[in-house]
Amino acid sequence: MDAVKTVLVDLGVPIDQIRTEAFGTDRRDPTRKVGKSGKVRFLDSGKSASAREGETLLDVAGGAKVRIDSACRSGTCGTCMVKLRAGNVRMSVQDALSDGDREDGYILAR
């Protein structure tokens, strides 16, 4: 997909008009050491939960019994898009977000 995206951009197609879809889920390394932790607060439910480095917001939400819509769990479909009100997140894949989504503070909970 990356090669096709590069060709499309080289042909003049605006990057925000290129969409991709991947099937499958992230493969996580169960031997990876867990580092820092933080606190997540879910505004609609009022619940809070601890988050460890390497966990997704979907992982944390599931542990706190907070429902966030999701489908692909890989960051490509956009179903898990939520608004970040405060703090920071790292997203290895954010294909489903447009530049406007990012500017408006949206992230993927995947």
C-alpha atoms as a PDB file:
ATOM      1  CA  MET A   1       0.000   0.000   0.000  1.00  0.00           C
ATOM      2  CA  ASP A   2       2.842   2.390   0.753  1.00  0.00           C
ATOM      3  CA  ALA A   3       4.240   1.978  -2.757  1.00  0.00           C
ATOM      4  CA  VAL A   4       0.848   2.662  -4.344  1.00  0.00           C
ATOM      5  CA  LYS A   5       0.383   5.745  -2.137  1.00  0.00           C
ATOM      6  CA  THR A   6       3.787   7.036  -3.261  1.00  0.00           C
ATOM      7  CA  VAL A   7       2.889   6.578  -6.931  1.00  0.00           C
ATOM      8  CA  LEU A   8      -0.469   8.316  -6.455  1.00  0.00           C
ATOM      9  CA  VAL A   9       1.191  11.296  -4.754  1.00  0.00           C
ATOM     10  CA  ASP A  10       3.803  11.424  -7.537  1.00  0.00           C
ATOM     11  CA  LEU A  11       0.921  11.548 -10.035  1.00  0.00           C
ATOM     12  CA  GLY A  12      -0.529  14.566  -8.220  1.00  0.00           C
ATOM     13  CA  VAL A  13      -3.308  12.973  -6.188  1.00  0.00           C
ATOM     14  CA  PRO A  14      -3.713  14.966  -2.935  1.00  0.00           C
ATOM     15  CA  ILE A  15      -2.702  12.814   0.073  1.00  0.00           C
ATOM     16  CA  ASP A  16      -5.976  13.594   1.888  1.00  0.00           C
ATOM     17  CA  GLN A  17      -7.893  11.973  -0.978  1.00  0.00           C
ATOM     18  CA  ILE A  18      -6.000   8.676  -0.763  1.00  0.00           C
ATOM     19  CA  ARG A  19      -7.734   6.028   1.346  1.00  0.00           C
ATOM     20  CA  THR A  20      -6.476   2.600   2.319  1.00  0.00           C
ATOM     21  CA  GLU A  21      -7.912  -0.377   4.113  1.00  0.00           C
ATOM     22  CA  ALA A  22      -6.054  -3.194   5.799  1.00  0.00           C
ATOM     23  CA  PHE A  23      -7.471  -6.403   7.137  1.00  0.00           C
ATOM     24  CA  GLY A  24      -6.231  -8.032  10.301  1.00  0.00           C
ATOM     25  CA  THR A  25      -5.066  -6.811  13.663  1.00  0.00           C
ATOM     26  CA  ASP A  26      -1.868  -5.636  15.263  1.00  0.00           C
ATOM     27  CA  ARG A  27       0.584  -8.302  16.234  1.00  0.00           C
ATOM     28  CA  ARG A  28       1.884  -7.548  19.682  1.00  0.00           C
ATOM     29  CA  ASP A  29       5.017  -8.919  21.250  1.00  0.00           C
ATOM     30  CA  PRO A  30       4.023 -10.559  24.559  1.00  0.00           C
ATOM     31  CA  THR A  31       7.655 -10.528  25.704  1.00  0.00           C
ATOM     32  CA  ARG A  32       7.953  -6.765  25.382  1.00  0.00           C
ATOM     33  CA  LYS A  33       8.695  -5.077  28.687  1.00  0.00           C
ATOM     34  CA  VAL A  34       6.072  -2.691  29.992  1.00  0.00           C
ATOM     35  CA  GLY A  35       7.348   0.769  30.782  1.00  0.00           C
ATOM     36  CA  LYS A  36       5.644   3.908  31.998  1.00  0.00           C
ATOM     37  CA  SER A  37       2.057   4.103  33.087  1.00  0.00           C
ATOM     38  CA  GLY A  38      -0.475   6.890  33.072  1.00  0.00           C
ATOM     39  CA  LYS A  39      -4.066   7.658  33.895  1.00  0.00           C
ATOM     40  CA  VAL A  40      -6.937   7.771  31.410  1.00  0.00           C
ATOM     41  CA  ARG A  41     -10.243   9.430  32.174  1.00  0.00           C
ATOM     42  CA  PHE A  42     -13.261   8.630  30.010  1.00  0.00           C
ATOM     43  CA  LEU A  43     -15.462  11.731  30.085  1.00  0.00           C
ATOM     44  CA  ASP A  44     -18.797  10.269  28.977  1.00  0.00           C
ATOM     45  CA  SER A  45     -18.760   7.505  31.603  1.00  0.00           C
ATOM     46  CA  GLY A  46     -16.793   9.383  34.266  1.00  0.00           C
ATOM     47  CA  LYS A  47     -14.579   6.319  34.719  1.00  0.00           C
ATOM     48  CA  SER A  48     -10.802   6.385  35.115  1.00  0.00           C
ATOM     49  CA  ALA A  49      -8.255   3.645  34.582  1.00  0.00           C
ATOM     50  CA  SER A  50      -4.509   3.120  34.598  1.00  0.00           C
ATOM     51  CA  ALA A  51      -2.782   2.701  31.251  1.00  0.00           C
ATOM     52  CA  ARG A  52       0.563   1.026  30.747  1.00  0.00           C
ATOM     53  CA  GLU A  53       2.930   1.823  27.918  1.00  0.00           C
ATOM     54  CA  GLY A  54       2.072  -0.313  24.915  1.00  0.00           C
ATOM     55  CA  GLU A  55      -1.640  -0.581  25.721  1.00  0.00           C
ATOM     56  CA  THR A  56      -4.145   0.969  23.377  1.00  0.00           C
ATOM     57  CA  LEU A  57      -7.007   3.109  24.600  1.00  0.00           C
ATOM     58  CA  LEU A  58      -9.275   0.284  23.490  1.00  0.00           C
ATOM     59  CA  ASP A  59      -7.376  -2.054  25.837  1.00  0.00           C
ATOM     60  CA  VAL A  60      -7.731   0.377  28.723  1.00  0.00           C
ATOM     61  CA  ALA A  61     -11.393   1.057  27.943  1.00  0.00           C
ATOM     62  CA  GLY A  62     -12.156  -2.659  27.848  1.00  0.00           C
ATOM     63  CA  GLY A  63     -10.542  -3.171  31.240  1.00  0.00           C
ATOM     64  CA  ALA A  64     -12.615  -0.303  32.656  1.00  0.00           C
ATOM     65  CA  LYS A  65     -15.793  -1.626  31.008  1.00  0.00           C
ATOM     66  CA  VAL A  66     -16.094   1.480  28.832  1.00  0.00           C
ATOM     67  CA  ARG A  67     -17.428   0.820  25.336  1.00  0.00           C
ATOM     68  CA  ILE A  68     -15.688   2.441  22.364  1.00  0.00           C
ATOM     69  CA  ASP A  69     -16.858   1.421  18.904  1.00  0.00           C
ATOM     70  CA  SER A  70     -14.168  -0.422  16.994  1.00  0.00           C
ATOM     71  CA  ALA A  71     -13.827  -2.738  14.030  1.00  0.00           C
ATOM     72  CA  CYS A  72     -10.372  -3.369  12.595  1.00  0.00           C
ATOM     73  CA  ARG A  73      -8.246  -2.690  15.729  1.00  0.00           C
ATOM     74  CA  SER A  74      -5.407  -1.751  13.391  1.00  0.00           C
ATOM     75  CA  GLY A  75      -6.030   1.967  12.847  1.00  0.00           C
ATOM     76  CA  THR A  76      -7.226   1.860   9.282  1.00  0.00           C
ATOM     77  CA  CYS A  77     -11.034   1.894   9.365  1.00  0.00           C
ATOM     78  CA  GLY A  78     -11.621   4.893  11.662  1.00  0.00           C
ATOM     79  CA  THR A  79     -14.449   3.347  13.668  1.00  0.00           C
ATOM     80  CA  CYS A  80     -12.559   3.947  16.943  1.00  0.00           C
ATOM     81  CA  MET A  81     -11.977   7.666  16.307  1.00  0.00           C
ATOM     82  CA  VAL A  82     -12.383   9.664  19.533  1.00  0.00           C
ATOM     83  CA  LYS A  83     -11.611  13.224  20.609  1.00  0.00           C
ATOM     84  CA  LEU A  84      -8.539  13.710  22.803  1.00  0.00           C
ATOM     85  CA  ARG A  85      -9.408  16.371  25.376  1.00  0.00           C
ATOM     86  CA  ALA A  86      -6.050  16.499  27.161  1.00  0.00           C
ATOM     87  CA  GLY A  87      -2.724  14.688  27.288  1.00  0.00           C
ATOM     88  CA  ASN A  88      -0.729  12.893  24.639  1.00  0.00           C
ATOM     89  CA  VAL A  89      -0.985   9.631  22.749  1.00  0.00           C
ATOM     90  CA  ARG A  90       1.301   7.839  20.312  1.00  0.00           C
ATOM     91  CA  MET A  91      -0.291   6.220  17.289  1.00  0.00           C
ATOM     92  CA  SER A  92       1.830   3.959  15.125  1.00  0.00           C
ATOM     93  CA  VAL A  93      -0.936   3.819  12.497  1.00  0.00           C
ATOM     94  CA  GLN A  94      -3.341   6.660  11.842  1.00  0.00           C
ATOM     95  CA  ASP A  95      -4.347   6.074   8.237  1.00  0.00           C
ATOM     96  CA  ALA A  96      -8.025   6.629   9.028  1.00  0.00           C
ATOM     97  CA  LEU A  97      -7.461  10.219  10.198  1.00  0.00           C
ATOM     98  CA  SER A  98      -7.475  13.124   7.799  1.00  0.00           C
ATOM     99  CA  ASP A  99      -5.308  16.173   8.412  1.00  0.00           C
ATOM    100  CA  GLY A 100      -8.482  17.959   9.521  1.00  0.00           C
ATOM    101  CA  ASP A 101      -9.296  15.204  12.024  1.00  0.00           C
ATOM    102  CA  ARG A 102      -5.830  15.514  13.554  1.00  0.00           C
ATOM    103  CA  GLU A 103      -6.050  19.325  13.662  1.00  0.00           C
ATOM    104  CA  ASP A 104      -9.416  19.021  15.424  1.00  0.00           C
ATOM    105  CA  GLY A 105      -7.877  16.781  18.119  1.00  0.00           C
ATOM    106  CA  TYR A 106      -9.160  13.384  17.027  1.00  0.00           C
ATOM    107  CA  ILE A 107      -7.189  10.202  17.661  1.00  0.00           C
ATOM    108  CA  LEU A 108      -7.713   6.493  17.115  1.00  0.00           C
ATOM    109  CA  ALA A 109      -8.338   4.451  20.265  1.00  0.00           C
ATOM    110  CA  ARG A 110      -7.024   1.289  18.547  1.00  0.00           C
END
